[in-house]
């Protein structure tokens, strides 16, 4: 598998607000020569120091090769939520 070492090796793809104090960030990155997709909760530090959010242990990093499978599973979860009447088909 090809690995990224250039400027795109650590790229924020998007952010979803989780609640008033935390957000979920989706990022492409690399670690020890492996390309990864990282979906992680970022929140204000517990000690109150600093002006921005910091990454928490809540989240998952997967090999980028697993991204299509993750997308399929999330789409299945969305379809099931619609089928159960838990979400609108929007």
Protein backbone atom coordinates (compact mmCIF):
# COMPACT_ATOMS: atom_id res chain seq x y z
CA UNK A 1 0.00 0.00 0.00
CA UNK A 2 1.22 3.47 -0.88
CA UNK A 3 1.86 5.73 2.12
CA UNK A 4 1.59 9.50 2.33
CA UNK A 5 4.48 11.56 3.54
CA UNK A 6 3.68 14.91 1.92
CA UNK A 7 1.55 17.83 3.09
CA UNK A 8 -1.67 15.85 2.63
CA UNK A 9 -0.51 13.23 5.14
CA UNK A 10 -2.46 15.00 7.93
CA UNK A 11 -5.66 16.51 6.54
CA UNK A 12 -8.82 17.49 8.39
CA UNK A 13 -11.76 16.37 6.25
CA UNK A 14 -14.63 17.64 8.39
CA UNK A 15 -16.05 18.34 11.82
CA UNK A 16 -19.40 17.39 13.36
CA UNK A 17 -20.56 19.13 16.54
CA UNK A 18 -21.23 16.39 19.13
CA UNK A 19 -22.50 18.65 21.90
CA UNK A 20 -21.77 22.07 23.39
CA UNK A 21 -18.32 21.03 24.60
CA UNK A 22 -17.11 18.48 22.06
CA UNK A 23 -16.85 17.79 18.36
CA UNK A 24 -16.05 14.80 16.17
CA UNK A 25 -13.24 15.33 13.68
CA UNK A 26 -12.65 13.16 10.62
CA UNK A 27 -9.04 13.26 9.51
CA UNK A 28 -6.76 11.52 7.03
CA UNK A 29 -3.31 10.93 8.40
CA UNK A 30 -0.35 8.61 8.59
CA UNK A 31 1.31 6.83 11.50
CA UNK A 32 4.48 4.76 11.27
CA UNK A 33 4.18 4.61 7.49
CA UNK A 34 0.51 3.57 7.41
CA UNK A 35 -2.23 5.74 5.91
CA UNK A 36 -5.18 6.10 8.30
CA UNK A 37 -8.69 7.45 8.61
CA UNK A 38 -9.19 8.87 12.10
CA UNK A 39 -12.65 9.61 13.54
CA UNK A 40 -12.14 11.10 16.99
CA UNK A 41 -13.85 13.21 19.65
CA UNK A 42 -12.07 16.46 20.43
CA UNK A 43 -12.99 18.35 23.60
CA UNK A 44 -11.81 21.13 25.89
CA UNK A 45 -8.96 19.97 28.11
CA UNK A 46 -10.01 18.85 31.60
CA UNK A 47 -7.52 21.18 33.26
CA UNK A 48 -8.97 24.18 31.44
CA UNK A 49 -5.58 25.16 30.01
CA UNK A 50 -5.38 26.10 26.38
CA UNK A 51 -7.75 27.78 24.01
CA UNK A 52 -8.67 24.90 21.73
CA UNK A 53 -9.99 21.40 21.86
CA UNK A 54 -7.68 18.41 22.23
CA UNK A 55 -8.08 14.85 20.95
CA UNK A 56 -9.59 12.36 23.38
CA UNK A 57 -9.30 8.57 23.55
CA UNK A 58 -12.85 8.35 22.20
CA UNK A 59 -12.58 7.44 18.56
CA UNK A 60 -11.08 5.06 16.11
CA UNK A 61 -8.19 5.02 13.66
CA UNK A 62 -8.43 2.52 10.83
CA UNK A 63 -6.27 1.66 7.88
CA UNK A 64 -7.34 3.79 4.94
CA UNK A 65 -7.98 0.53 3.08
CA UNK A 66 -10.89 -0.06 5.53
CA UNK A 67 -12.63 3.23 4.60
CA UNK A 68 -14.93 1.72 1.91
CA UNK A 69 -16.06 -0.95 4.40
CA UNK A 70 -16.67 1.70 7.09
CA UNK A 71 -18.76 3.71 4.62
CA UNK A 72 -20.82 0.60 3.74
CA UNK A 73 -21.47 -0.15 7.42
CA UNK A 74 -22.47 3.45 8.17
CA UNK A 75 -24.82 3.49 5.16
CA UNK A 76 -26.39 0.25 6.43
CA UNK A 77 -26.85 1.83 9.87
CA UNK A 78 -28.53 4.87 8.26
CA UNK A 79 -30.85 2.63 6.19
CA UNK A 80 -31.78 0.66 9.32
CA UNK A 81 -32.49 3.86 11.26
CA UNK A 82 -34.82 5.01 8.44
CA UNK A 83 -36.50 1.58 8.31
CA UNK A 84 -37.17 1.75 12.05
CA UNK A 85 -38.57 5.28 11.79
CA UNK A 86 -35.70 6.74 13.80
CA UNK A 87 -34.61 9.12 11.03
CA UNK A 88 -36.08 10.83 7.99
CA UNK A 89 -34.77 9.94 4.55
CA UNK A 90 -33.13 13.31 3.99
